Full PDB file with SEQRES, HELIX, SHEET, SSBOND, CRYST1, ORIGX, SCALE, CONECT and MASTER records, all heavy atoms in Angstrom:
SEQRES   1 A   37  LEU GLU GLN VAL LEU ARG GLN LEU THR GLU SER LEU ASP          
SEQRES   2 A   37  THR ILE GLY GLN ILE ALA ALA ARG ALA GLY PHE GLN ASP          
SEQRES   3 A   37  TYR GLN HIS PHE CYS LYS MET PHE LYS LYS LYS                  
HELIX    1 AA1 GLU A    2  GLU A   10  1                                   9    
HELIX    2 AA2 ILE A   15  ARG A   21  1                                   7    
HELIX    3 AA3 TYR A   27  LYS A   36  1                                  10    
CRYST1    1.000    1.000    1.000  90.00  90.00  90.00 P 1           1          
ORIGX1      1.000000  0.000000  0.000000        0.00000                         
ORIGX2      0.000000  1.000000  0.000000        0.00000                         
ORIGX3      0.000000  0.000000  1.000000        0.00000                         
SCALE1      1.000000  0.000000  0.000000        0.00000                         
SCALE2      0.000000  1.000000  0.000000        0.00000                         
SCALE3      0.000000  0.000000  1.000000        0.00000                         
ATOM      1  N   LEU A   1      82.787  92.512  98.106  1.00  0.00           N  
ATOM      2  CA  LEU A   1      81.827  93.581  97.862  1.00  0.00           C  
ATOM      3  C   LEU A   1      82.517  94.950  97.891  1.00  0.00           C  
ATOM      4  O   LEU A   1      82.190  95.846  97.100  1.00  0.00           O  
ATOM      5  CB  LEU A   1      80.718  93.510  98.910  1.00  0.00           C  
ATOM      6  CG  LEU A   1      79.445  94.319  98.618  1.00  0.00           C  
ATOM      7  CD1 LEU A   1      78.873  93.949  97.265  1.00  0.00           C  
ATOM      8  CD2 LEU A   1      78.419  94.075  99.720  1.00  0.00           C  
ATOM      9  N   GLU A   2      83.473  95.112  98.781  1.00  0.00           N  
ATOM     10  CA  GLU A   2      84.242  96.359  98.851  1.00  0.00           C  
ATOM     11  C   GLU A   2      84.937  96.635  97.518  1.00  0.00           C  
ATOM     12  O   GLU A   2      84.956  97.770  97.018  1.00  0.00           O  
ATOM     13  CB  GLU A   2      85.265  96.247  99.975  1.00  0.00           C  
ATOM     14  CG  GLU A   2      86.150  97.466 100.137  1.00  0.00           C  
ATOM     15  CD  GLU A   2      87.205  97.254 101.206  1.00  0.00           C  
ATOM     16  OE1 GLU A   2      87.000  96.383 102.089  1.00  0.00           O  
ATOM     17  OE2 GLU A   2      88.254  97.935 101.151  1.00  0.00           O  
ATOM     18  N   GLN A   3      85.502  95.589  96.924  1.00  0.00           N  
ATOM     19  CA  GLN A   3      86.156  95.727  95.618  1.00  0.00           C  
ATOM     20  C   GLN A   3      85.152  96.116  94.545  1.00  0.00           C  
ATOM     21  O   GLN A   3      85.406  96.988  93.724  1.00  0.00           O  
ATOM     22  CB  GLN A   3      86.842  94.405  95.248  1.00  0.00           C  
ATOM     23  CG  GLN A   3      87.314  94.294  93.802  1.00  0.00           C  
ATOM     24  CD  GLN A   3      88.645  94.962  93.575  1.00  0.00           C  
ATOM     25  OE1 GLN A   3      89.164  95.623  94.484  1.00  0.00           O  
ATOM     26  NE2 GLN A   3      89.184  94.818  92.381  1.00  0.00           N  
ATOM     27  N   VAL A   4      83.987  95.489  94.549  1.00  0.00           N  
ATOM     28  CA  VAL A   4      82.961  95.779  93.546  1.00  0.00           C  
ATOM     29  C   VAL A   4      82.495  97.232  93.656  1.00  0.00           C  
ATOM     30  O   VAL A   4      82.365  97.942  92.645  1.00  0.00           O  
ATOM     31  CB  VAL A   4      81.766  94.810  93.692  1.00  0.00           C  
ATOM     32  CG1 VAL A   4      80.583  95.281  92.855  1.00  0.00           C  
ATOM     33  CG2 VAL A   4      82.171  93.401  93.273  1.00  0.00           C  
ATOM     34  N   LEU A   5      82.226  97.681  94.861  1.00  0.00           N  
ATOM     35  CA  LEU A   5      81.735  99.054  95.044  1.00  0.00           C  
ATOM     36  C   LEU A   5      82.753 100.064  94.521  1.00  0.00           C  
ATOM     37  O   LEU A   5      82.369 101.058  93.876  1.00  0.00           O  
ATOM     38  CB  LEU A   5      81.445  99.312  96.524  1.00  0.00           C  
ATOM     39  CG  LEU A   5      80.313  98.469  97.148  1.00  0.00           C  
ATOM     40  CD1 LEU A   5      80.163  98.791  98.622  1.00  0.00           C  
ATOM     41  CD2 LEU A   5      78.996  98.705  96.404  1.00  0.00           C  
ATOM     42  N   ARG A   6      84.007  99.830  94.773  1.00  0.00           N  
ATOM     43  CA  ARG A   6      85.027 100.753  94.292  1.00  0.00           C  
ATOM     44  C   ARG A   6      85.101 100.734  92.769  1.00  0.00           C  
ATOM     45  O   ARG A   6      85.189 101.783  92.126  1.00  0.00           O  
ATOM     46  CB  ARG A   6      86.372 100.389  94.900  1.00  0.00           C  
ATOM     47  CG  ARG A   6      87.495 101.345  94.519  1.00  0.00           C  
ATOM     48  CD  ARG A   6      88.752 101.121  95.353  1.00  0.00           C  
ATOM     49  NE  ARG A   6      89.269  99.765  95.212  1.00  0.00           N  
ATOM     50  CZ  ARG A   6      89.194  98.851  96.163  1.00  0.00           C  
ATOM     51  NH1 ARG A   6      88.605  99.122  97.320  1.00  0.00           N  
ATOM     52  NH2 ARG A   6      89.694  97.642  95.971  1.00  0.00           N  
ATOM     53  N   GLN A   7      85.037  99.543  92.194  1.00  0.00           N  
ATOM     54  CA  GLN A   7      85.144  99.427  90.742  1.00  0.00           C  
ATOM     55  C   GLN A   7      83.916  99.981  90.020  1.00  0.00           C  
ATOM     56  O   GLN A   7      84.032 100.513  88.912  1.00  0.00           O  
ATOM     57  CB  GLN A   7      85.360  97.962  90.351  1.00  0.00           C  
ATOM     58  CG  GLN A   7      86.730  97.421  90.723  1.00  0.00           C  
ATOM     59  CD  GLN A   7      87.820  98.066  89.885  1.00  0.00           C  
ATOM     60  OE1 GLN A   7      87.792  97.996  88.663  1.00  0.00           O  
ATOM     61  NE2 GLN A   7      88.766  98.701  90.555  1.00  0.00           N  
ATOM     62  N   LEU A   8      82.734  99.832  90.612  1.00  0.00           N  
ATOM     63  CA  LEU A   8      81.533 100.383  89.988  1.00  0.00           C  
ATOM     64  C   LEU A   8      81.630 101.899  89.852  1.00  0.00           C  
ATOM     65  O   LEU A   8      81.037 102.500  88.944  1.00  0.00           O  
ATOM     66  CB  LEU A   8      80.293 100.013  90.795  1.00  0.00           C  
ATOM     67  CG  LEU A   8      79.817  98.566  90.683  1.00  0.00           C  
ATOM     68  CD1 LEU A   8      78.660  98.306  91.640  1.00  0.00           C  
ATOM     69  CD2 LEU A   8      79.393  98.240  89.246  1.00  0.00           C  
ATOM     70  N   THR A   9      82.376 102.513  90.719  1.00  0.00           N  
ATOM     71  CA  THR A   9      82.550 103.970  90.671  1.00  0.00           C  
ATOM     72  C   THR A   9      83.694 104.370  89.753  1.00  0.00           C  
ATOM     73  O   THR A   9      83.596 105.347  89.005  1.00  0.00           O  
ATOM     74  CB  THR A   9      82.827 104.511  92.090  1.00  0.00           C  
ATOM     75  OG1 THR A   9      81.758 104.139  92.953  1.00  0.00           O  
ATOM     76  CG2 THR A   9      82.947 106.033  92.074  1.00  0.00           C  
ATOM     77  N   GLU A  10      84.777 103.578  89.748  1.00  0.00           N  
ATOM     78  CA  GLU A  10      85.987 103.997  89.056  1.00  0.00           C  
ATOM     79  C   GLU A  10      86.164 103.387  87.677  1.00  0.00           C  
ATOM     80  O   GLU A  10      86.849 103.959  86.830  1.00  0.00           O  
ATOM     81  CB  GLU A  10      87.212 103.624  89.909  1.00  0.00           C  
ATOM     82  CG  GLU A  10      87.222 104.284  91.282  1.00  0.00           C  
ATOM     83  CD  GLU A  10      88.351 103.757  92.143  1.00  0.00           C  
ATOM     84  OE1 GLU A  10      89.032 102.799  91.703  1.00  0.00           O  
ATOM     85  OE2 GLU A  10      88.548 104.287  93.253  1.00  0.00           O  
ATOM     86  N   SER A  11      85.576 102.212  87.418  1.00  0.00           N  
ATOM     87  CA  SER A  11      85.853 101.481  86.183  1.00  0.00           C  
ATOM     88  C   SER A  11      84.720 101.620  85.174  1.00  0.00           C  
ATOM     89  O   SER A  11      83.555 101.788  85.548  1.00  0.00           O  
ATOM     90  CB  SER A  11      86.087  99.996  86.500  1.00  0.00           C  
ATOM     91  OG  SER A  11      86.199  99.243  85.322  1.00  0.00           O  
ATOM     92  N   LEU A  12      85.073 101.513  83.889  1.00  0.00           N  
ATOM     93  CA  LEU A  12      84.081 101.521  82.816  1.00  0.00           C  
ATOM     94  C   LEU A  12      83.753 100.103  82.342  1.00  0.00           C  
ATOM     95  O   LEU A  12      82.980  99.930  81.404  1.00  0.00           O  
ATOM     96  CB  LEU A  12      84.606 102.341  81.624  1.00  0.00           C  
ATOM     97  CG  LEU A  12      84.844 103.838  81.896  1.00  0.00           C  
ATOM     98  CD1 LEU A  12      85.396 104.506  80.642  1.00  0.00           C  
ATOM     99  CD2 LEU A  12      83.557 104.513  82.333  1.00  0.00           C  
ATOM    100  N   ASP A  13      84.328  99.102  82.991  1.00  0.00           N  
ATOM    101  CA  ASP A  13      84.052  97.723  82.605  1.00  0.00           C  
ATOM    102  C   ASP A  13      82.604  97.362  82.918  1.00  0.00           C  
ATOM    103  O   ASP A  13      81.926  98.029  83.706  1.00  0.00           O  
ATOM    104  CB  ASP A  13      84.983  96.770  83.350  1.00  0.00           C  
ATOM    105  CG  ASP A  13      86.425  96.898  82.872  1.00  0.00           C  
ATOM    106  OD1 ASP A  13      86.616  97.392  81.742  1.00  0.00           O  
ATOM    107  OD2 ASP A  13      87.339  96.521  83.626  1.00  0.00           O  
ATOM    108  N   THR A  14      82.130  96.280  82.302  1.00  0.00           N  
ATOM    109  CA  THR A  14      80.759  95.838  82.556  1.00  0.00           C  
ATOM    110  C   THR A  14      80.634  95.339  83.993  1.00  0.00           C  
ATOM    111  O   THR A  14      81.634  94.961  84.638  1.00  0.00           O  
ATOM    112  CB  THR A  14      80.355  94.707  81.610  1.00  0.00           C  
ATOM    113  OG1 THR A  14      81.147  93.543  81.900  1.00  0.00           O  
ATOM    114  CG2 THR A  14      80.579  95.105  80.153  1.00  0.00           C  
ATOM    115  N   ILE A  15      79.416  95.322  84.480  1.00  0.00           N  
ATOM    116  CA  ILE A  15      79.174  94.858  85.855  1.00  0.00           C  
ATOM    117  C   ILE A  15      79.593  93.391  85.997  1.00  0.00           C  
ATOM    118  O   ILE A  15      80.165  92.985  87.006  1.00  0.00           O  
ATOM    119  CB  ILE A  15      77.694  95.053  86.229  1.00  0.00           C  
ATOM    120  CG1 ILE A  15      77.372  96.556  86.256  1.00  0.00           C  
ATOM    121  CG2 ILE A  15      77.381  94.415  87.581  1.00  0.00           C  
ATOM    122  CD1 ILE A  15      75.900  96.860  86.463  1.00  0.00           C  
ATOM    123  N   GLY A  16      79.346  92.597  84.953  1.00  0.00           N  
ATOM    124  CA  GLY A  16      79.741  91.188  85.001  1.00  0.00           C  
ATOM    125  C   GLY A  16      81.245  91.019  85.124  1.00  0.00           C  
ATOM    126  O   GLY A  16      81.728  90.157  85.861  1.00  0.00           O  
ATOM    127  N   GLN A  17      81.999  91.833  84.385  1.00  0.00           N  
ATOM    128  CA  GLN A  17      83.451  91.754  84.462  1.00  0.00           C  
ATOM    129  C   GLN A  17      83.956  92.158  85.842  1.00  0.00           C  
ATOM    130  O   GLN A  17      84.850  91.523  86.405  1.00  0.00           O  
ATOM    131  CB  GLN A  17      84.069  92.667  83.396  1.00  0.00           C  
ATOM    132  CG  GLN A  17      83.874  92.166  81.975  1.00  0.00           C  
ATOM    133  CD  GLN A  17      84.295  93.183  80.938  1.00  0.00           C  
ATOM    134  OE1 GLN A  17      84.223  94.398  81.168  1.00  0.00           O  
ATOM    135  NE2 GLN A  17      84.742  92.703  79.790  1.00  0.00           N  
ATOM    136  N   ILE A  18      83.367  93.217  86.398  1.00  0.00           N  
ATOM    137  CA  ILE A  18      83.772  93.685  87.725  1.00  0.00           C  
ATOM    138  C   ILE A  18      83.483  92.618  88.779  1.00  0.00           C  
ATOM    139  O   ILE A  18      84.313  92.335  89.654  1.00  0.00           O  
ATOM    140  CB  ILE A  18      83.052  94.999  88.059  1.00  0.00           C  
ATOM    141  CG1 ILE A  18      83.561  96.123  87.149  1.00  0.00           C  
ATOM    142  CG2 ILE A  18      83.229  95.368  89.526  1.00  0.00           C  
ATOM    143  CD1 ILE A  18      82.788  97.415  87.275  1.00  0.00           C  
ATOM    144  N   ALA A  19      82.307  92.022  88.688  1.00  0.00           N  
ATOM    145  CA  ALA A  19      81.933  90.991  89.657  1.00  0.00           C  
ATOM    146  C   ALA A  19      82.867  89.793  89.570  1.00  0.00           C  
ATOM    147  O   ALA A  19      83.310  89.253  90.591  1.00  0.00           O  
ATOM    148  CB  ALA A  19      80.488  90.568  89.430  1.00  0.00           C  
ATOM    149  N   ALA A  20      83.192  89.364  88.349  1.00  0.00           N  
ATOM    150  CA  ALA A  20      84.059  88.196  88.172  1.00  0.00           C  
ATOM    151  C   ALA A  20      85.455  88.466  88.721  1.00  0.00           C  
ATOM    152  O   ALA A  20      86.068  87.588  89.345  1.00  0.00           O  
ATOM    153  CB  ALA A  20      84.137  87.826  86.692  1.00  0.00           C  
ATOM    154  N   ARG A  21      85.958  89.675  88.502  1.00  0.00           N  
ATOM    155  CA  ARG A  21      87.292  90.009  89.016  1.00  0.00           C  
ATOM    156  C   ARG A  21      87.336  90.020  90.540  1.00  0.00           C  
ATOM    157  O   ARG A  21      88.389  89.807  91.136  1.00  0.00           O  
ATOM    158  CB  ARG A  21      87.735  91.377  88.476  1.00  0.00           C  
ATOM    159  CG  ARG A  21      88.306  91.344  87.076  1.00  0.00           C  
ATOM    160  CD  ARG A  21      89.209  92.550  86.860  1.00  0.00           C  
ATOM    161  NE  ARG A  21      88.507  93.793  87.087  1.00  0.00           N  
ATOM    162  CZ  ARG A  21      87.882  94.490  86.142  1.00  0.00           C  
ATOM    163  NH1 ARG A  21      87.857  94.033  84.896  1.00  0.00           N  
ATOM    164  NH2 ARG A  21      87.282  95.628  86.426  1.00  0.00           N  
ATOM    165  N   ALA A  22      86.217  90.288  91.160  1.00  0.00           N  
ATOM    166  CA  ALA A  22      86.169  90.323  92.628  1.00  0.00           C  
ATOM    167  C   ALA A  22      85.920  88.952  93.232  1.00  0.00           C  
ATOM    168  O   ALA A  22      85.898  88.815  94.461  1.00  0.00           O  
ATOM    169  CB  ALA A  22      85.088  91.297  93.089  1.00  0.00           C  
ATOM    170  N   GLY A  23      85.707  87.931  92.393  1.00  0.00           N  
ATOM    171  CA  GLY A  23      85.525  86.582  92.908  1.00  0.00           C  
ATOM    172  C   GLY A  23      84.119  86.047  92.831  1.00  0.00           C  
ATOM    173  O   GLY A  23      83.844  84.929  93.267  1.00  0.00           O  
ATOM    174  N   PHE A  24      83.176  86.845  92.287  1.00  0.00           N  
ATOM    175  CA  PHE A  24      81.789  86.375  92.135  1.00  0.00           C  
ATOM    176  C   PHE A  24      81.649  85.663  90.792  1.00  0.00           C  
ATOM    177  O   PHE A  24      81.645  86.303  89.737  1.00  0.00           O  
ATOM    178  CB  PHE A  24      80.810  87.557  92.206  1.00  0.00           C  
ATOM    179  CG  PHE A  24      80.766  88.235  93.550  1.00  0.00           C  
ATOM    180  CD1 PHE A  24      81.389  89.455  93.750  1.00  0.00           C  
ATOM    181  CD2 PHE A  24      80.108  87.642  94.617  1.00  0.00           C  
ATOM    182  CE1 PHE A  24      81.352  90.083  94.982  1.00  0.00           C  
ATOM    183  CE2 PHE A  24      80.065  88.264  95.863  1.00  0.00           C  
ATOM    184  CZ  PHE A  24      80.692  89.490  96.048  1.00  0.00           C  
ATOM    185  N   GLN A  25      81.538  84.364  90.817  1.00  0.00           N  
ATOM    186  CA  GLN A  25      81.481  83.590  89.582  1.00  0.00           C  
ATOM    187  C   GLN A  25      80.062  83.433  89.039  1.00  0.00           C  
ATOM    188  O   GLN A  25      79.869  83.232  87.845  1.00  0.00           O  
ATOM    189  CB  GLN A  25      82.109  82.202  89.815  1.00  0.00           C  
ATOM    190  CG  GLN A  25      83.549  82.261  90.292  1.00  0.00           C  
ATOM    191  CD  GLN A  25      84.450  83.048  89.359  1.00  0.00           C  
ATOM    192  OE1 GLN A  25      84.387  82.894  88.130  1.00  0.00           O  
ATOM    193  NE2 GLN A  25      85.280  83.921  89.924  1.00  0.00           N  
ATOM    194  N   ASP A  26      79.059  83.498  89.899  1.00  0.00           N  
ATOM    195  CA  ASP A  26      77.665  83.357  89.485  1.00  0.00           C  
ATOM    196  C   ASP A  26      77.038  84.747  89.446  1.00  0.00           C  
ATOM    197  O   ASP A  26      76.752  85.361  90.480  1.00  0.00           O  
ATOM    198  CB  ASP A  26      76.912  82.462  90.476  1.00  0.00           C  
ATOM    199  CG  ASP A  26      75.488  82.147  90.029  1.00  0.00           C  
ATOM    200  OD1 ASP A  26      74.865  82.995  89.350  1.00  0.00           O  
ATOM    201  OD2 ASP A  26      74.997  81.049  90.364  1.00  0.00           O  
ATOM    202  N   TYR A  27      76.815  85.279  88.239  1.00  0.00           N  
ATOM    203  CA  TYR A  27      76.381  86.672  88.089  1.00  0.00           C  
ATOM    204  C   TYR A  27      74.983  86.891  88.671  1.00  0.00           C  
ATOM    205  O   TYR A  27      74.728  87.905  89.338  1.00  0.00           O  
ATOM    206  CB  TYR A  27      76.402  87.052  86.609  1.00  0.00           C  
ATOM    207  CG  TYR A  27      75.988  88.484  86.356  1.00  0.00           C  
ATOM    208  CD1 TYR A  27      76.784  89.542  86.779  1.00  0.00           C  
ATOM    209  CD2 TYR A  27      74.786  88.781  85.719  1.00  0.00           C  
ATOM    210  CE1 TYR A  27      76.411  90.865  86.566  1.00  0.00           C  
ATOM    211  CE2 TYR A  27      74.399  90.090  85.499  1.00  0.00           C  
ATOM    212  CZ  TYR A  27      75.217  91.134  85.922  1.00  0.00           C  
ATOM    213  OH  TYR A  27      74.839  92.429  85.712  1.00  0.00           O  
ATOM    214  N   GLN A  28      74.064  85.959  88.435  1.00  0.00           N  
ATOM    215  CA  GLN A  28      72.705  86.133  88.948  1.00  0.00           C  
ATOM    216  C   GLN A  28      72.696  86.128  90.480  1.00  0.00           C  
ATOM    217  O   GLN A  28      72.013  86.951  91.111  1.00  0.00           O  
ATOM    218  CB  GLN A  28      71.790  85.030  88.407  1.00  0.00           C  
ATOM    219  CG  GLN A  28      71.506  85.161  86.918  1.00  0.00           C  
ATOM    220  CD  GLN A  28      70.520  84.120  86.436  1.00  0.00           C  
ATOM    221  OE1 GLN A  28      70.304  83.100  87.095  1.00  0.00           O  
ATOM    222  NE2 GLN A  28      69.923  84.362  85.283  1.00  0.00           N  
ATOM    223  N   HIS A  29      73.448  85.218  91.070  1.00  0.00           N  
ATOM    224  CA  HIS A  29      73.540  85.180  92.536  1.00  0.00           C  
ATOM    225  C   HIS A  29      74.151  86.481  93.057  1.00  0.00           C  
ATOM    226  O   HIS A  29      73.713  87.018  94.093  1.00  0.00           O  
ATOM    227  CB  HIS A  29      74.386  83.992  92.972  1.00  0.00           C  
ATOM    228  CG  HIS A  29      74.643  83.952  94.449  1.00  0.00           C  
ATOM    229  ND1 HIS A  29      73.673  83.605  95.363  1.00  0.00           N  
ATOM    230  CD2 HIS A  29      75.775  84.242  95.178  1.00  0.00           C  
ATOM    231  CE1 HIS A  29      74.178  83.682  96.587  1.00  0.00           C  
ATOM    232  NE2 HIS A  29      75.452  84.063  96.500  1.00  0.00           N  
ATOM    233  N   PHE A  30      75.146  86.999  92.352  1.00  0.00           N  
ATOM    234  CA  PHE A  30      75.771  88.263  92.750  1.00  0.00           C  
ATOM    235  C   PHE A  30      74.748  89.403  92.770  1.00  0.00           C  
ATOM    236  O   PHE A  30      74.698  90.187  93.727  1.00  0.00           O  
ATOM    237  CB  PHE A  30      76.921  88.599  91.795  1.00  0.00           C  
ATOM    238  CG  PHE A  30      77.315  90.044  91.816  1.00  0.00           C  
ATOM    239  CD1 PHE A  30      78.021  90.589  92.876  1.00  0.00           C  
ATOM    240  CD2 PHE A  30      76.951  90.882  90.761  1.00  0.00           C  
ATOM    241  CE1 PHE A  30      78.373  91.927  92.893  1.00  0.00           C  
ATOM    242  CE2 PHE A  30      77.293  92.222  90.775  1.00  0.00           C  
ATOM    243  CZ  PHE A  30      78.000  92.746  91.842  1.00  0.00           C  
ATOM    244  N   CYS A  31      73.933  89.499  91.712  1.00  0.00           N  
ATOM    245  CA  CYS A  31      72.951  90.598  91.634  1.00  0.00           C  
ATOM    246  C   CYS A  31      71.931  90.519  92.777  1.00  0.00           C  
ATOM    247  O   CYS A  31      71.573  91.539  93.384  1.00  0.00           O  
ATOM    248  CB  CYS A  31      72.247  90.566  90.289  1.00  0.00           C  
ATOM    249  SG  CYS A  31      73.315  91.019  88.902  1.00  0.00           S  
ATOM    250  N   LYS A  32      71.477  89.297  93.108  1.00  0.00           N  
ATOM    251  CA  LYS A  32      70.516  89.138  94.197  1.00  0.00           C  
ATOM    252  C   LYS A  32      71.149  89.520  95.529  1.00  0.00           C  
ATOM    253  O   LYS A  32      70.533  90.206  96.351  1.00  0.00           O  
ATOM    254  CB  LYS A  32      70.017  87.687  94.246  1.00  0.00           C  
ATOM    255  CG  LYS A  32      69.145  87.295  93.064  1.00  0.00           C  
ATOM    256  CD  LYS A  32      68.727  85.829  93.168  1.00  0.00           C  
ATOM    257  CE  LYS A  32      67.871  85.420  91.976  1.00  0.00           C  
ATOM    258  NZ  LYS A  32      67.490  83.988  92.048  1.00  0.00           N  
ATOM    259  N   MET A  33      72.386  89.058  95.745  1.00  0.00           N  
ATOM    260  CA  MET A  33      73.086  89.366  96.982  1.00  0.00           C  
ATOM    261  C   MET A  33      73.310  90.873  97.107  1.00  0.00           C  
ATOM    262  O   MET A  33      73.121  91.466  98.183  1.00  0.00           O  
ATOM    263  CB  MET A  33      74.430  88.620  97.009  1.00  0.00           C  
ATOM    264  CG  MET A  33      75.302  88.896  98.222  1.00  0.00           C  
ATOM    265  SD  MET A  33      76.257  90.436  98.122  1.00  0.00           S  
ATOM    266  CE  MET A  33      77.123  90.201  96.579  1.00  0.00           C  
ATOM    267  N   PHE A  34      73.702  91.513  95.989  1.00  0.00           N  
ATOM    268  CA  PHE A  34      73.997  92.945  96.002  1.00  0.00           C  
ATOM    269  C   PHE A  34      72.754  93.743  96.412  1.00  0.00           C  
ATOM    270  O   PHE A  34      72.811  94.621  97.284  1.00  0.00           O  
ATOM    271  CB  PHE A  34      74.478  93.378  94.613  1.00  0.00           C  
ATOM    272  CG  PHE A  34      75.041  94.770  94.562  1.00  0.00           C  
ATOM    273  CD1 PHE A  34      76.404  94.985  94.609  1.00  0.00           C  
ATOM    274  CD2 PHE A  34      74.204  95.874  94.467  1.00  0.00           C  
ATOM    275  CE1 PHE A  34      76.927  96.269  94.568  1.00  0.00           C  
ATOM    276  CE2 PHE A  34      74.716  97.159  94.420  1.00  0.00           C  
ATOM    277  CZ  PHE A  34      76.078  97.355  94.477  1.00  0.00           C  
ATOM    278  N   LYS A  35      71.610  93.414  95.796  1.00  0.00           N  
ATOM    279  CA  LYS A  35      70.383  94.162  96.104  1.00  0.00           C  
ATOM    280  C   LYS A  35      69.933  93.905  97.531  1.00  0.00           C  
ATOM    281  O   LYS A  35      69.426  94.813  98.228  1.00  0.00           O  
ATOM    282  CB  LYS A  35      69.281  93.776  95.126  1.00  0.00           C  
ATOM    283  CG  LYS A  35      68.058  94.673  95.245  1.00  0.00           C  
ATOM    284  CD  LYS A  35      67.126  94.497  94.070  1.00  0.00           C  
ATOM    285  CE  LYS A  35      65.969  95.508  94.149  1.00  0.00           C  
ATOM    286  NZ  LYS A  35      65.067  95.419  92.996  1.00  0.00           N  
ATOM    287  N   LYS A  36      70.149  92.685  98.020  1.00  0.00           N  
ATOM    288  CA  LYS A  36      69.773  92.362  99.392  1.00  0.00           C  
ATOM    289  C   LYS A  36      70.615  93.154 100.379  1.00  0.00           C  
ATOM    290  O   LYS A  36      70.112  93.634 101.404  1.00  0.00           O  
ATOM    291  CB  LYS A  36      69.948  90.859  99.626  1.00  0.00           C  
ATOM    292  CG  LYS A  36      69.561  90.408 101.037  1.00  0.00           C  
ATOM    293  CD  LYS A  36      69.737  88.901 101.182  1.00  0.00           C  
ATOM    294  CE  LYS A  36      69.370  88.455 102.601  1.00  0.00           C  
ATOM    295  NZ  LYS A  36      69.533  86.996 102.774  1.00  0.00           N  
ATOM    296  N   LYS A  37      71.905  93.317 100.069  1.00  0.00           N  
ATOM    297  CA  LYS A  37      72.806  94.008 100.968  1.00  0.00           C  
ATOM    298  C   LYS A  37      72.642  95.527 100.909  1.00  0.00           C  
ATOM    299  O   LYS A  37      72.716  96.218 101.930  1.00  0.00           O  
ATOM    300  CB  LYS A  37      74.261  93.656 100.629  1.00  0.00           C  
ATOM    301  CG  LYS A  37      74.665  92.235 100.982  1.00  0.00           C  
ATOM    302  CD  LYS A  37      74.877  92.101 102.485  1.00  0.00           C  
ATOM    303  CE  LYS A  37      75.433  90.723 102.834  1.00  0.00           C  
ATOM    304  NZ  LYS A  37      75.604  90.567 104.290  1.00  0.00           N  
TER     305      LYS A  37                                                      
MASTER        0    0    0    3    0    0    0    6  304    1    0    3          
END                                                                             
């Protein structure tokens, strides 16, 4: 999550690409977890 937060601020890549690079393979599960956290 630390990696994702940094990339969401610094990178122009899509959210799916950022999540996958950080190790989140299931995009829908990632979005639910992110909003919960």
